Structure formats: C-alpha cells, structure tokens
All heavy atoms as atom14 arrays in JSON, in Angstrom:
{
  "sequence": "ILIEPINPRDMPGYFLNRQDDAQAIRQAIGASNLKVQFDCYHCQIV",
  "atom14_mask": [
    [1, 1, 1, 1, 1, 1, 1, 1, 0, 0, 0, 0, 0, 0],
    [1, 1, 1, 1, 1, 1, 1, 1, 0, 0, 0, 0, 0, 0],
    [1, 1, 1, 1, 1, 1, 1, 1, 0, 0, 0, 0, 0, 0],
    [1, 1, 1, 1, 1, 1, 1, 1, 1, 0, 0, 0, 0, 0],
    [1, 1, 1, 1, 1, 1, 1, 0, 0, 0, 0, 0, 0, 0],
    [1, 1, 1, 1, 1, 1, 1, 1, 0, 0, 0, 0, 0, 0],
    [1, 1, 1, 1, 1, 1, 1, 1, 0, 0, 0, 0, 0, 0],
    [1, 1, 1, 1, 1, 1, 1, 0, 0, 0, 0, 0, 0, 0],
    [1, 1, 1, 1, 1, 1, 1, 1, 1, 1, 1, 0, 0, 0],
    [1, 1, 1, 1, 1, 1, 1, 1, 0, 0, 0, 0, 0, 0],
    [1, 1, 1, 1, 1, 1, 1, 1, 0, 0, 0, 0, 0, 0],
    [1, 1, 1, 1, 1, 1, 1, 0, 0, 0, 0, 0, 0, 0],
    [1, 1, 1, 1, 0, 0, 0, 0, 0, 0, 0, 0, 0, 0],
    [1, 1, 1, 1, 1, 1, 1, 1, 1, 1, 1, 1, 0, 0],
    [1, 1, 1, 1, 1, 1, 1, 1, 1, 1, 1, 0, 0, 0],
    [1, 1, 1, 1, 1, 1, 1, 1, 0, 0, 0, 0, 0, 0],
    [1, 1, 1, 1, 1, 1, 1, 1, 0, 0, 0, 0, 0, 0],
    [1, 1, 1, 1, 1, 1, 1, 1, 1, 1, 1, 0, 0, 0],
    [1, 1, 1, 1, 1, 1, 1, 1, 1, 0, 0, 0, 0, 0],
    [1, 1, 1, 1, 1, 1, 1, 1, 0, 0, 0, 0, 0, 0],
    [1, 1, 1, 1, 1, 1, 1, 1, 0, 0, 0, 0, 0, 0],
    [1, 1, 1, 1, 1, 0, 0, 0, 0, 0, 0, 0, 0, 0],
    [1, 1, 1, 1, 1, 1, 1, 1, 1, 0, 0, 0, 0, 0],
    [1, 1, 1, 1, 1, 0, 0, 0, 0, 0, 0, 0, 0, 0],
    [1, 1, 1, 1, 1, 1, 1, 1, 0, 0, 0, 0, 0, 0],
    [1, 1, 1, 1, 1, 1, 1, 1, 1, 1, 1, 0, 0, 0],
    [1, 1, 1, 1, 1, 1, 1, 1, 1, 0, 0, 0, 0, 0],
    [1, 1, 1, 1, 1, 0, 0, 0, 0, 0, 0, 0, 0, 0],
    [1, 1, 1, 1, 1, 1, 1, 1, 0, 0, 0, 0, 0, 0],
    [1, 1, 1, 1, 0, 0, 0, 0, 0, 0, 0, 0, 0, 0],
    [1, 1, 1, 1, 1, 0, 0, 0, 0, 0, 0, 0, 0, 0],
    [1, 1, 1, 1, 1, 1, 0, 0, 0, 0, 0, 0, 0, 0],
    [1, 1, 1, 1, 1, 1, 1, 1, 0, 0, 0, 0, 0, 0],
    [1, 1, 1, 1, 1, 1, 1, 1, 0, 0, 0, 0, 0, 0],
    [1, 1, 1, 1, 1, 1, 1, 1, 1, 0, 0, 0, 0, 0],
    [1, 1, 1, 1, 1, 1, 1, 0, 0, 0, 0, 0, 0, 0],
    [1, 1, 1, 1, 1, 1, 1, 1, 1, 0, 0, 0, 0, 0],
    [1, 1, 1, 1, 1, 1, 1, 1, 1, 1, 1, 0, 0, 0],
    [1, 1, 1, 1, 1, 1, 1, 1, 0, 0, 0, 0, 0, 0],
    [1, 1, 1, 1, 1, 1, 0, 0, 0, 0, 0, 0, 0, 0],
    [1, 1, 1, 1, 1, 1, 1, 1, 1, 1, 1, 1, 0, 0],
    [1, 1, 1, 1, 1, 1, 1, 1, 1, 1, 0, 0, 0, 0],
    [1, 1, 1, 1, 1, 1, 0, 0, 0, 0, 0, 0, 0, 0],
    [1, 1, 1, 1, 1, 1, 1, 1, 1, 0, 0, 0, 0, 0],
    [1, 1, 1, 1, 1, 1, 1, 1, 0, 0, 0, 0, 0, 0],
    [1, 1, 1, 1, 1, 1, 1, 0, 0, 0, 0, 0, 0, 0]
  ],
  "atom14_positions": [
    [[-9.12, -9.38, -0.14], [-7.86, -9.18, -0.83], [-7.17, -7.97, -0.25], [-7.8, -6.93, 0.03], [-8.0, -8.88, -2.36], [-8.67, -10.13, -3.02], [-6.76, -8.56, -3.03], [-7.75, -11.39, -3.01], [0.0, 0.0, 0.0], [0.0, 0.0, 0.0], [0.0, 0.0, 0.0], [0.0, 0.0, 0.0], [0.0, 0.0, 0.0], [0.0, 0.0, 0.0]],
    [[-5.86, -8.11, 0.05], [-5.07, -7.0, 0.59], [-4.0, -6.54, -0.35], [-3.46, -7.32, -1.21], [-4.34, -7.5, 1.89], [-5.23, -8.0, 3.04], [-4.3, -8.51, 4.15], [-6.08, -6.84, 3.63], [0.0, 0.0, 0.0], [0.0, 0.0, 0.0], [0.0, 0.0, 0.0], [0.0, 0.0, 0.0], [0.0, 0.0, 0.0], [0.0, 0.0, 0.0]],
    [[-3.75, -5.24, -0.33], [-2.62, -4.63, -1.01], [-1.73, -3.99, 0.02], [-2.25, -3.45, 1.02], [-3.03, -3.71, -2.15], [-3.92, -2.52, -1.64], [-3.74, -4.48, -3.22], [-4.23, -1.52, -2.66], [0.0, 0.0, 0.0], [0.0, 0.0, 0.0], [0.0, 0.0, 0.0], [0.0, 0.0, 0.0], [0.0, 0.0, 0.0], [0.0, 0.0, 0.0]],
    [[-0.45, -3.97, -0.2], [0.46, -3.45, 0.73], [1.51, -2.49, 0.22], [2.29, -2.89, -0.73], [1.21, -4.59, 1.45], [2.23, -4.12, 2.52], [3.05, -5.23, 3.11], [3.19, -6.29, 2.47], [3.63, -5.04, 4.22], [0.0, 0.0, 0.0], [0.0, 0.0, 0.0], [0.0, 0.0, 0.0], [0.0, 0.0, 0.0], [0.0, 0.0, 0.0]],
    [[1.6, -1.31, 0.65], [2.7, -0.39, 0.23], [3.99, -0.93, 0.91], [4.01, -1.21, 2.12], [2.27, 0.94, 0.86], [0.84, 0.84, 1.15], [0.56, -0.56, 1.48], [0.0, 0.0, 0.0], [0.0, 0.0, 0.0], [0.0, 0.0, 0.0], [0.0, 0.0, 0.0], [0.0, 0.0, 0.0], [0.0, 0.0, 0.0], [0.0, 0.0, 0.0]],
    [[5.02, -1.01, 0.1], [6.33, -1.53, 0.55], [7.4, -0.44, 0.26], [7.45, 0.13, -0.8], [6.67, -2.82, -0.15], [5.61, -3.93, 0.24], [8.13, -3.3, 0.2], [5.85, -5.24, -0.55], [0.0, 0.0, 0.0], [0.0, 0.0, 0.0], [0.0, 0.0, 0.0], [0.0, 0.0, 0.0], [0.0, 0.0, 0.0], [0.0, 0.0, 0.0]],
    [[8.3, -0.25, 1.27], [9.26, 0.83, 1.09], [10.27, 0.53, -0.01], [10.69, -0.65, -0.17], [9.92, 1.15, 2.38], [11.06, 0.17, 2.77], [12.11, 0.29, 2.2], [10.75, -0.76, 3.65], [0.0, 0.0, 0.0], [0.0, 0.0, 0.0], [0.0, 0.0, 0.0], [0.0, 0.0, 0.0], [0.0, 0.0, 0.0], [0.0, 0.0, 0.0]],
    [[10.78, 1.55, -0.7], [11.68, 1.29, -1.86], [13.1, 1.05, -1.45], [13.92, 0.66, -2.3], [11.63, 2.63, -2.65], [11.2, 3.66, -1.61], [10.3, 2.98, -0.66], [0.0, 0.0, 0.0], [0.0, 0.0, 0.0], [0.0, 0.0, 0.0], [0.0, 0.0, 0.0], [0.0, 0.0, 0.0], [0.0, 0.0, 0.0], [0.0, 0.0, 0.0]],
    [[13.41, 1.17, -0.15], [14.76, 0.79, 0.34], [14.9, -0.7, 0.31], [15.92, -1.22, -0.13], [15.03, 1.45, 1.71], [16.46, 1.21, 2.21], [16.68, 1.85, 3.54], [15.95, 1.15, 4.57], [15.62, 1.7, 5.81], [15.89, 2.96, 6.06], [15.01, 0.99, 6.7], [0.0, 0.0, 0.0], [0.0, 0.0, 0.0], [0.0, 0.0, 0.0]],
    [[13.92, -1.38, 0.88], [13.97, -2.81, 0.97], [13.59, -3.43, -0.37], [14.1, -4.51, -0.66], [12.91, -3.31, 2.0], [13.42, -3.11, 3.41], [14.42, -2.44, 3.65], [12.76, -3.68, 4.33], [0.0, 0.0, 0.0], [0.0, 0.0, 0.0], [0.0, 0.0, 0.0], [0.0, 0.0, 0.0], [0.0, 0.0, 0.0], [0.0, 0.0, 0.0]],
    [[12.78, -2.83, -1.13], [12.29, -3.44, -2.38], [12.32, -2.33, -3.51], [11.23, -1.82, -3.86], [10.88, -4.05, -2.25], [10.59, -5.1, -3.31], [9.05, -5.98, -2.95], [9.57, -7.05, -1.53], [0.0, 0.0, 0.0], [0.0, 0.0, 0.0], [0.0, 0.0, 0.0], [0.0, 0.0, 0.0], [0.0, 0.0, 0.0], [0.0, 0.0, 0.0]],
    [[13.48, -1.97, -4.01], [13.57, -0.92, -5.04], [12.69, -1.26, -6.27], [12.77, -2.42, -6.73], [15.03, -0.85, -5.4], [15.74, -1.49, -4.23], [14.8, -2.53, -3.64], [0.0, 0.0, 0.0], [0.0, 0.0, 0.0], [0.0, 0.0, 0.0], [0.0, 0.0, 0.0], [0.0, 0.0, 0.0], [0.0, 0.0, 0.0], [0.0, 0.0, 0.0]],
    [[11.96, -0.3, -6.72], [11.15, -0.46, -7.93], [9.77, -0.99, -7.68], [9.02, -1.15, -8.63], [0.0, 0.0, 0.0], [0.0, 0.0, 0.0], [0.0, 0.0, 0.0], [0.0, 0.0, 0.0], [0.0, 0.0, 0.0], [0.0, 0.0, 0.0], [0.0, 0.0, 0.0], [0.0, 0.0, 0.0], [0.0, 0.0, 0.0], [0.0, 0.0, 0.0]],
    [[9.46, -1.31, -6.45], [8.05, -1.86, -6.12], [7.09, -0.79, -6.52], [7.23, 0.42, -6.23], [7.95, -2.31, -4.7], [6.75, -3.15, -4.45], [6.67, -4.4, -4.9], [5.62, -2.63, -3.78], [5.59, -5.23, -4.68], [4.5, -3.4, -3.55], [4.48, -4.71, -4.03], [3.34, -5.47, -3.75], [0.0, 0.0, 0.0], [0.0, 0.0, 0.0]],
    [[5.95, -1.25, -7.09], [4.99, -0.31, -7.68], [4.28, 0.49, -6.69], [3.95, 1.64, -6.91], [4.0, -1.06, -8.54], [2.97, -0.21, -9.16], [3.3, 0.54, -10.24], [1.66, -0.18, -8.68], [2.31, 1.42, -10.85], [0.73, 0.63, -9.19], [1.08, 1.43, -10.33], [0.0, 0.0, 0.0], [0.0, 0.0, 0.0], [0.0, 0.0, 0.0]],
    [[3.98, -0.07, -5.46], [3.13, 0.62, -4.51], [3.98, 0.91, -3.25], [4.46, 0.02, -2.6], [1.93, -0.26, -4.16], [0.86, 0.29, -3.19], [0.2, 1.54, -3.82], [-0.12, -0.75, -2.83], [0.0, 0.0, 0.0], [0.0, 0.0, 0.0], [0.0, 0.0, 0.0], [0.0, 0.0, 0.0], [0.0, 0.0, 0.0], [0.0, 0.0, 0.0]],
    [[4.13, 2.19, -2.91], [4.97, 2.57, -1.79], [4.19, 3.31, -0.63], [4.71, 3.27, 0.45], [6.06, 3.52, -2.29], [6.9, 2.9, -3.36], [7.16, 3.52, -4.39], [7.38, 1.75, -3.14], [0.0, 0.0, 0.0], [0.0, 0.0, 0.0], [0.0, 0.0, 0.0], [0.0, 0.0, 0.0], [0.0, 0.0, 0.0], [0.0, 0.0, 0.0]],
    [[3.06, 3.96, -0.98], [2.49, 4.89, 0.04], [1.09, 4.45, 0.41], [0.38, 3.93, -0.41], [2.38, 6.3, -0.57], [3.73, 6.96, -0.84], [3.53, 8.4, -1.34], [2.71, 9.2, -0.39], [3.27, 9.81, 0.63], [4.59, 9.84, 0.83], [2.53, 10.52, 1.5], [0.0, 0.0, 0.0], [0.0, 0.0, 0.0], [0.0, 0.0, 0.0]],
    [[0.75, 4.69, 1.68], [-0.55, 4.33, 2.21], [-1.64, 5.13, 1.49], [-2.7, 4.56, 1.15], [-0.6, 4.65, 3.7], [0.3, 3.67, 4.51], [-0.19, 2.26, 4.61], [-1.4, 2.05, 4.56], [0.72, 1.29, 4.67], [0.0, 0.0, 0.0], [0.0, 0.0, 0.0], [0.0, 0.0, 0.0], [0.0, 0.0, 0.0], [0.0, 0.0, 0.0]],
    [[-1.49, 6.43, 1.27], [-2.5, 7.21, 0.64], [-2.77, 6.73, -0.83], [-3.95, 6.68, -1.22], [-2.21, 8.67, 0.67], [-0.79, 9.09, 0.12], [-0.1, 8.21, -0.34], [-0.5, 10.25, 0.24], [0.0, 0.0, 0.0], [0.0, 0.0, 0.0], [0.0, 0.0, 0.0], [0.0, 0.0, 0.0], [0.0, 0.0, 0.0], [0.0, 0.0, 0.0]],
    [[-1.71, 6.33, -1.52], [-1.91, 5.8, -2.87], [-2.68, 4.5, -2.79], [-3.57, 4.22, -3.64], [-0.53, 5.63, -3.51], [-0.72, 5.36, -5.04], [-1.8, 5.74, -5.63], [0.22, 4.82, -5.67], [0.0, 0.0, 0.0], [0.0, 0.0, 0.0], [0.0, 0.0, 0.0], [0.0, 0.0, 0.0], [0.0, 0.0, 0.0], [0.0, 0.0, 0.0]],
    [[-2.33, 3.62, -1.85], [-3.04, 2.36, -1.76], [-4.55, 2.57, -1.42], [-5.42, 1.91, -1.99], [-2.4, 1.51, -0.63], [0.0, 0.0, 0.0], [0.0, 0.0, 0.0], [0.0, 0.0, 0.0], [0.0, 0.0, 0.0], [0.0, 0.0, 0.0], [0.0, 0.0, 0.0], [0.0, 0.0, 0.0], [0.0, 0.0, 0.0], [0.0, 0.0, 0.0]],
    [[-4.84, 3.54, -0.54], [-6.22, 3.83, -0.24], [-6.96, 4.37, -1.43], [-8.14, 4.07, -1.65], [-6.27, 4.76, 0.99], [-5.82, 4.16, 2.29], [-6.76, 3.11, 2.76], [-7.9, 3.0, 2.4], [-6.21, 2.27, 3.72], [0.0, 0.0, 0.0], [0.0, 0.0, 0.0], [0.0, 0.0, 0.0], [0.0, 0.0, 0.0], [0.0, 0.0, 0.0]],
    [[-6.24, 5.2, -2.26], [-6.94, 5.72, -3.45], [-7.28, 4.63, -4.44], [-8.31, 4.59, -5.06], [-6.04, 6.77, -4.09], [0.0, 0.0, 0.0], [0.0, 0.0, 0.0], [0.0, 0.0, 0.0], [0.0, 0.0, 0.0], [0.0, 0.0, 0.0], [0.0, 0.0, 0.0], [0.0, 0.0, 0.0], [0.0, 0.0, 0.0], [0.0, 0.0, 0.0]],
    [[-6.35, 3.61, -4.55], [-6.61, 2.49, -5.42], [-7.74, 1.67, -4.92], [-8.68, 1.27, -5.67], [-5.34, 1.62, -5.52], [-4.33, 2.37, -6.36], [-5.62, 0.24, -6.05], [-2.96, 1.74, -6.31], [0.0, 0.0, 0.0], [0.0, 0.0, 0.0], [0.0, 0.0, 0.0], [0.0, 0.0, 0.0], [0.0, 0.0, 0.0], [0.0, 0.0, 0.0]],
    [[-7.81, 1.48, -3.57], [-8.97, 0.71, -2.91], [-10.3, 1.46, -3.29], [-11.27, 0.79, -3.67], [-8.73, 0.65, -1.48], [-9.77, -0.14, -0.72], [-9.6, -0.05, 0.76], [-9.78, 1.38, 1.28], [-11.03, 1.87, 1.51], [-12.15, 1.15, 1.26], [-11.13, 3.08, 1.96], [0.0, 0.0, 0.0], [0.0, 0.0, 0.0], [0.0, 0.0, 0.0]],
    [[-10.27, 2.73, -3.1], [-11.49, 3.52, -3.31], [-11.93, 3.55, -4.82], [-13.11, 3.47, -5.12], [-11.29, 4.9, -2.77], [-11.21, 4.95, -1.26], [-10.78, 6.32, -0.78], [-10.66, 7.28, -1.52], [-10.55, 6.43, 0.59], [0.0, 0.0, 0.0], [0.0, 0.0, 0.0], [0.0, 0.0, 0.0], [0.0, 0.0, 0.0], [0.0, 0.0, 0.0]],
    [[-10.93, 3.6, -5.7], [-11.22, 3.55, -7.14], [-11.86, 2.25, -7.55], [-12.76, 2.25, -8.41], [-9.92, 3.78, -7.89], [0.0, 0.0, 0.0], [0.0, 0.0, 0.0], [0.0, 0.0, 0.0], [0.0, 0.0, 0.0], [0.0, 0.0, 0.0], [0.0, 0.0, 0.0], [0.0, 0.0, 0.0], [0.0, 0.0, 0.0], [0.0, 0.0, 0.0]],
    [[-11.45, 1.18, -6.99], [-12.06, -0.16, -7.31], [-13.43, -0.3, -6.65], [-14.41, -0.81, -7.28], [-11.12, -1.27, -6.95], [-9.88, -1.18, -7.83], [-11.78, -2.63, -7.09], [-8.73, -2.13, -7.41], [0.0, 0.0, 0.0], [0.0, 0.0, 0.0], [0.0, 0.0, 0.0], [0.0, 0.0, 0.0], [0.0, 0.0, 0.0], [0.0, 0.0, 0.0]],
    [[-13.53, 0.15, -5.42], [-14.82, 0.17, -4.72], [-15.33, -1.16, -4.24], [-16.54, -1.24, -3.95], [0.0, 0.0, 0.0], [0.0, 0.0, 0.0], [0.0, 0.0, 0.0], [0.0, 0.0, 0.0], [0.0, 0.0, 0.0], [0.0, 0.0, 0.0], [0.0, 0.0, 0.0], [0.0, 0.0, 0.0], [0.0, 0.0, 0.0], [0.0, 0.0, 0.0]],
    [[-14.42, -2.17, -4.14], [-14.92, -3.43, -3.6], [-14.79, -3.5, -2.08], [-13.73, -3.11, -1.51], [-14.06, -4.57, -4.18], [0.0, 0.0, 0.0], [0.0, 0.0, 0.0], [0.0, 0.0, 0.0], [0.0, 0.0, 0.0], [0.0, 0.0, 0.0], [0.0, 0.0, 0.0], [0.0, 0.0, 0.0], [0.0, 0.0, 0.0], [0.0, 0.0, 0.0]],
    [[-15.85, -3.9, -1.4], [-15.83, -3.93, 0.05], [-14.81, -4.92, 0.6], [-14.39, -4.82, 1.78], [-17.18, -4.26, 0.58], [-17.65, -5.56, 0.13], [0.0, 0.0, 0.0], [0.0, 0.0, 0.0], [0.0, 0.0, 0.0], [0.0, 0.0, 0.0], [0.0, 0.0, 0.0], [0.0, 0.0, 0.0], [0.0, 0.0, 0.0], [0.0, 0.0, 0.0]],
    [[-14.37, -5.85, -0.2], [-13.47, -6.95, 0.3], [-12.04, -6.65, -0.25], [-11.22, -7.59, -0.34], [-13.91, -8.37, -0.08], [-13.91, -8.62, -1.61], [-14.27, -7.72, -2.33], [-13.47, -9.82, -1.99], [0.0, 0.0, 0.0], [0.0, 0.0, 0.0], [0.0, 0.0, 0.0], [0.0, 0.0, 0.0], [0.0, 0.0, 0.0], [0.0, 0.0, 0.0]],
    [[-11.76, -5.42, -0.57], [-10.41, -4.99, -0.91], [-9.92, -4.05, 0.15], [-10.53, -2.95, 0.38], [-10.32, -4.37, -2.35], [-8.97, -3.78, -2.72], [-7.96, -4.96, -2.84], [-9.06, -2.96, -4.03], [0.0, 0.0, 0.0], [0.0, 0.0, 0.0], [0.0, 0.0, 0.0], [0.0, 0.0, 0.0], [0.0, 0.0, 0.0], [0.0, 0.0, 0.0]],
    [[-8.84, -4.35, 0.85], [-8.39, -3.51, 1.96], [-6.83, -3.37, 1.81], [-6.17, -3.97, 1.03], [-8.65, -4.18, 3.3], [-10.12, -4.45, 3.58], [-10.86, -3.16, 3.98], [-12.26, -3.41, 4.46], [-12.97, -2.18, 4.91], [0.0, 0.0, 0.0], [0.0, 0.0, 0.0], [0.0, 0.0, 0.0], [0.0, 0.0, 0.0], [0.0, 0.0, 0.0]],
    [[-6.32, -2.49, 2.69], [-4.92, -2.14, 2.68], [-4.26, -2.78, 3.84], [-4.77, -2.69, 5.04], [-4.69, -0.64, 2.66], [-3.18, -0.3, 2.77], [-5.28, -0.02, 1.41], [0.0, 0.0, 0.0], [0.0, 0.0, 0.0], [0.0, 0.0, 0.0], [0.0, 0.0, 0.0], [0.0, 0.0, 0.0], [0.0, 0.0, 0.0], [0.0, 0.0, 0.0]],
    [[-3.1, -3.38, 3.61], [-2.24, -3.98, 4.65], [-1.39, -2.86, 5.21], [-0.52, -2.32, 4.49], [-1.46, -5.1, 4.08], [-0.74, -5.96, 5.07], [-0.28, -7.31, 4.42], [-1.11, -8.06, 3.92], [1.0, -7.56, 4.41], [0.0, 0.0, 0.0], [0.0, 0.0, 0.0], [0.0, 0.0, 0.0], [0.0, 0.0, 0.0], [0.0, 0.0, 0.0]],
    [[-1.52, -2.56, 6.53], [-0.76, -1.45, 7.06], [0.44, -1.98, 7.82], [0.3, -2.49, 8.93], [-1.72, -0.67, 8.08], [-1.13, 0.6, 8.53], [-1.41, 1.85, 7.94], [-0.25, 0.67, 9.64], [-0.91, 3.02, 8.37], [0.32, 1.82, 10.12], [-0.07, 3.06, 9.49], [0.0, 0.0, 0.0], [0.0, 0.0, 0.0], [0.0, 0.0, 0.0]],
    [[1.56, -1.99, 7.16], [2.82, -2.42, 7.76], [3.49, -1.19, 8.35], [3.94, -0.24, 7.64], [3.7, -3.07, 6.72], [4.92, -3.76, 7.35], [5.63, -3.07, 8.13], [5.21, -4.87, 7.0], [0.0, 0.0, 0.0], [0.0, 0.0, 0.0], [0.0, 0.0, 0.0], [0.0, 0.0, 0.0], [0.0, 0.0, 0.0], [0.0, 0.0, 0.0]],
    [[3.52, -1.15, 9.69], [4.12, 0.05, 10.37], [5.54, 0.25, 9.99], [5.98, 1.5, 9.88], [4.04, -0.15, 11.86], [2.35, -0.35, 12.53], [0.0, 0.0, 0.0], [0.0, 0.0, 0.0], [0.0, 0.0, 0.0], [0.0, 0.0, 0.0], [0.0, 0.0, 0.0], [0.0, 0.0, 0.0], [0.0, 0.0, 0.0], [0.0, 0.0, 0.0]],
    [[6.3, -0.72, 9.73], [7.77, -0.67, 9.34], [7.82, 0.1, 8.05], [8.58, 1.08, 7.93], [8.32, -2.0, 9.28], [9.68, -2.11, 8.63], [10.85, -1.81, 9.25], [9.76, -2.59, 7.31], [12.12, -1.89, 8.68], [11.0, -2.71, 6.68], [12.17, -2.35, 7.35], [13.38, -2.48, 6.73], [0.0, 0.0, 0.0], [0.0, 0.0, 0.0]],
    [[7.09, -0.34, 7.04], [7.21, 0.28, 5.71], [6.63, 1.72, 5.8], [7.2, 2.69, 5.17], [6.38, -0.45, 4.67], [6.91, -1.81, 4.4], [8.22, -2.05, 3.96], [6.4, -3.06, 4.36], [8.49, -3.29, 3.73], [7.36, -3.99, 4.05], [0.0, 0.0, 0.0], [0.0, 0.0, 0.0], [0.0, 0.0, 0.0], [0.0, 0.0, 0.0]],
    [[5.55, 1.93, 6.5], [4.95, 3.3, 6.65], [5.91, 4.27, 7.23], [6.04, 5.43, 6.74], [3.67, 3.17, 7.41], [2.78, 4.77, 7.55], [0.0, 0.0, 0.0], [0.0, 0.0, 0.0], [0.0, 0.0, 0.0], [0.0, 0.0, 0.0], [0.0, 0.0, 0.0], [0.0, 0.0, 0.0], [0.0, 0.0, 0.0], [0.0, 0.0, 0.0]],
    [[6.58, 3.87, 8.31], [7.54, 4.71, 8.96], [8.71, 5.15, 8.07], [9.04, 6.3, 8.02], [8.06, 4.12, 10.23], [9.2, 4.86, 10.95], [8.77, 6.16, 11.56], [7.59, 6.5, 11.56], [9.7, 6.92, 12.09], [0.0, 0.0, 0.0], [0.0, 0.0, 0.0], [0.0, 0.0, 0.0], [0.0, 0.0, 0.0], [0.0, 0.0, 0.0]],
    [[9.17, 4.27, 7.3], [10.31, 4.54, 6.37], [9.91, 5.46, 5.27], [10.61, 6.39, 4.93], [10.93, 3.16, 5.83], [11.61, 2.41, 6.97], [11.89, 3.54, 4.68], [12.04, 1.03, 6.57], [0.0, 0.0, 0.0], [0.0, 0.0, 0.0], [0.0, 0.0, 0.0], [0.0, 0.0, 0.0], [0.0, 0.0, 0.0], [0.0, 0.0, 0.0]],
    [[8.69, 5.2, 4.7], [8.29, 6.04, 3.54], [7.62, 7.36, 3.97], [7.94, 8.42, 3.36], [7.32, 5.21, 2.69], [6.85, 6.07, 1.51], [8.01, 3.98, 2.13], [0.0, 0.0, 0.0], [0.0, 0.0, 0.0], [0.0, 0.0, 0.0], [0.0, 0.0, 0.0], [0.0, 0.0, 0.0], [0.0, 0.0, 0.0], [0.0, 0.0, 0.0]]
  ]
}
C-alpha cells in the first residue's frame, strides 16, 4: 500500500502534503508493506 503527499496548489485541502508527515504515518503503523510514493513534482512544490 502506498500513500502520497500531494501539494495544496494542485489539490487544495488534501490531507497529506509533506514527505516527513507521510513517513511518520508509515512508521506509526509499522507495516512493512506500507510505503510512501515519492512524487518529485509535489515534493519540490511543497
């Protein structure tokens, strides 16, 4: 399962925006098959 931070310019109000927050969520759940989708476009903007 992947989760992806998305920038608020393209998708205002989206719950997850930052890579560090996504990684914290992944670590809090602790499942080895939960990873973060690294979109360079969104990361650069945010």
